[in-house]
Amino acid sequence: MSKQAWIQDPKTASTMRFQFDPKSWSAHPMYFVDLGRPLPGAPPLLKTRSHMRRNDARQLWLRLKAEGWKQVDPQWGAGVDV
C-alpha cells in the first residue's frame, strides 16, 4: 500500500483516505483511515479516524473494493483532518 490512497462509494460519495503514519515503527507500519464525504464548495464532512496496522488497512481496502467502492483522486486537502 502506498503512503496515501483514496477510495469512494459511488452510491453515497462516502470516501476513505488511507494515509501512512510516518511515526509508526518500520517493523509495525500503521495507517490512519479517515472516513468522510466531500461537499462541493465547502469543507468536507469528516466523520471518523481509525489507526490500524498496515495489513488490517489492506484487508479493509480489498473488502471495500469487492463491495464496489472505486479508487479516486484525493477528495480534500492535506490540511483537513478529523
Protein backbone atom coordinates (compact mmCIF):
# COMPACT_ATOMS: atom_id res chain seq x y z
CA MET A 1 0.00 0.00 0.00
CA SER A 2 1.33 3.44 -0.88
CA LYS A 3 1.77 6.39 1.50
CA GLN A 4 -1.74 7.66 0.69
CA ALA A 5 -4.73 6.22 -1.18
CA TRP A 6 -8.38 7.16 -1.59
CA ILE A 7 -11.46 5.01 -2.14
CA GLN A 8 -15.09 6.09 -2.58
CA ASP A 9 -18.53 4.50 -2.55
CA PRO A 10 -20.10 5.61 -5.86
CA LYS A 11 -23.61 5.31 -4.39
CA THR A 12 -23.16 7.59 -1.35
CA ALA A 13 -19.91 9.52 -2.05
CA SER A 14 -18.59 8.27 1.31
CA THR A 15 -14.83 8.43 0.99
CA MET A 16 -11.94 6.87 2.87
CA ARG A 17 -8.41 8.20 2.93
CA PHE A 18 -5.71 5.68 3.82
CA GLN A 19 -2.64 7.61 4.96
CA PHE A 20 0.65 6.15 6.21
CA ASP A 21 1.59 7.14 9.76
CA PRO A 22 5.21 8.32 9.49
CA LYS A 23 5.63 7.99 13.28
CA SER A 24 4.91 4.25 13.25
CA TRP A 25 7.74 1.78 13.65
CA SER A 26 9.12 0.32 10.45
CA ALA A 27 8.62 -3.18 11.89
CA HIS A 28 4.91 -2.39 12.52
CA PRO A 29 3.71 0.14 9.92
CA MET A 30 0.42 1.84 10.74
CA TYR A 31 -2.13 3.78 8.70
CA PHE A 32 -4.68 6.45 9.54
CA VAL A 33 -8.02 5.71 7.86
CA ASP A 34 -10.33 8.73 7.64
CA LEU A 35 -13.98 8.44 6.66
CA GLY A 36 -15.75 11.47 5.25
CA ARG A 37 -17.70 12.93 2.39
CA PRO A 38 -16.58 15.74 0.08
CA LEU A 39 -19.03 18.65 -0.15
CA PRO A 40 -18.99 20.85 -3.26
CA GLY A 41 -17.89 24.39 -2.42
CA ALA A 42 -17.45 23.60 1.28
CA PRO A 43 -15.02 21.80 3.56
CA PRO A 44 -15.53 18.03 3.64
CA LEU A 45 -17.67 16.38 6.27
CA LEU A 46 -15.16 14.24 8.18
CA LYS A 47 -16.74 11.59 10.40
CA THR A 48 -14.15 9.23 11.85
CA ARG A 49 -10.46 8.43 12.03
CA SER A 50 -9.06 4.98 12.75
CA HIS A 51 -5.45 3.98 13.37
CA MET A 52 -4.72 0.47 12.14
CA ARG A 53 -1.94 -1.87 11.17
CA ARG A 54 -0.98 -1.99 7.50
CA ASN A 55 -2.38 -5.50 7.00
CA ASP A 56 -5.73 -4.55 8.55
CA ALA A 57 -5.90 -1.42 6.38
CA ARG A 58 -5.11 -3.51 3.30
CA GLN A 59 -7.85 -6.01 4.15
CA LEU A 60 -10.35 -3.16 4.62
CA TRP A 61 -9.33 -1.70 1.24
CA LEU A 62 -9.80 -5.05 -0.50
CA ARG A 63 -13.17 -5.65 1.15
CA LEU A 64 -14.42 -2.19 0.08
CA LYS A 65 -13.19 -2.79 -3.50
CA ALA A 66 -15.10 -6.10 -3.54
CA GLU A 67 -18.23 -4.22 -2.38
CA GLY A 68 -17.99 -1.85 -5.35
CA TRP A 69 -16.01 1.10 -3.95
CA LYS A 70 -13.73 2.78 -6.51
CA GLN A 71 -10.24 4.23 -6.14
CA VAL A 72 -10.38 8.01 -6.65
CA ASP A 73 -8.11 11.05 -6.70
CA PRO A 74 -7.67 12.99 -3.43
CA GLN A 75 -11.01 14.43 -2.33
CA TRP A 76 -9.84 17.01 0.22
CA GLY A 77 -6.67 18.85 1.05
CA ALA A 78 -3.82 17.77 3.26
CA GLY A 79 -4.69 20.47 5.80
CA VAL A 80 -8.08 18.91 6.55
CA ASP A 81 -8.09 16.47 9.44
CA VAL A 82 -10.67 14.79 11.63
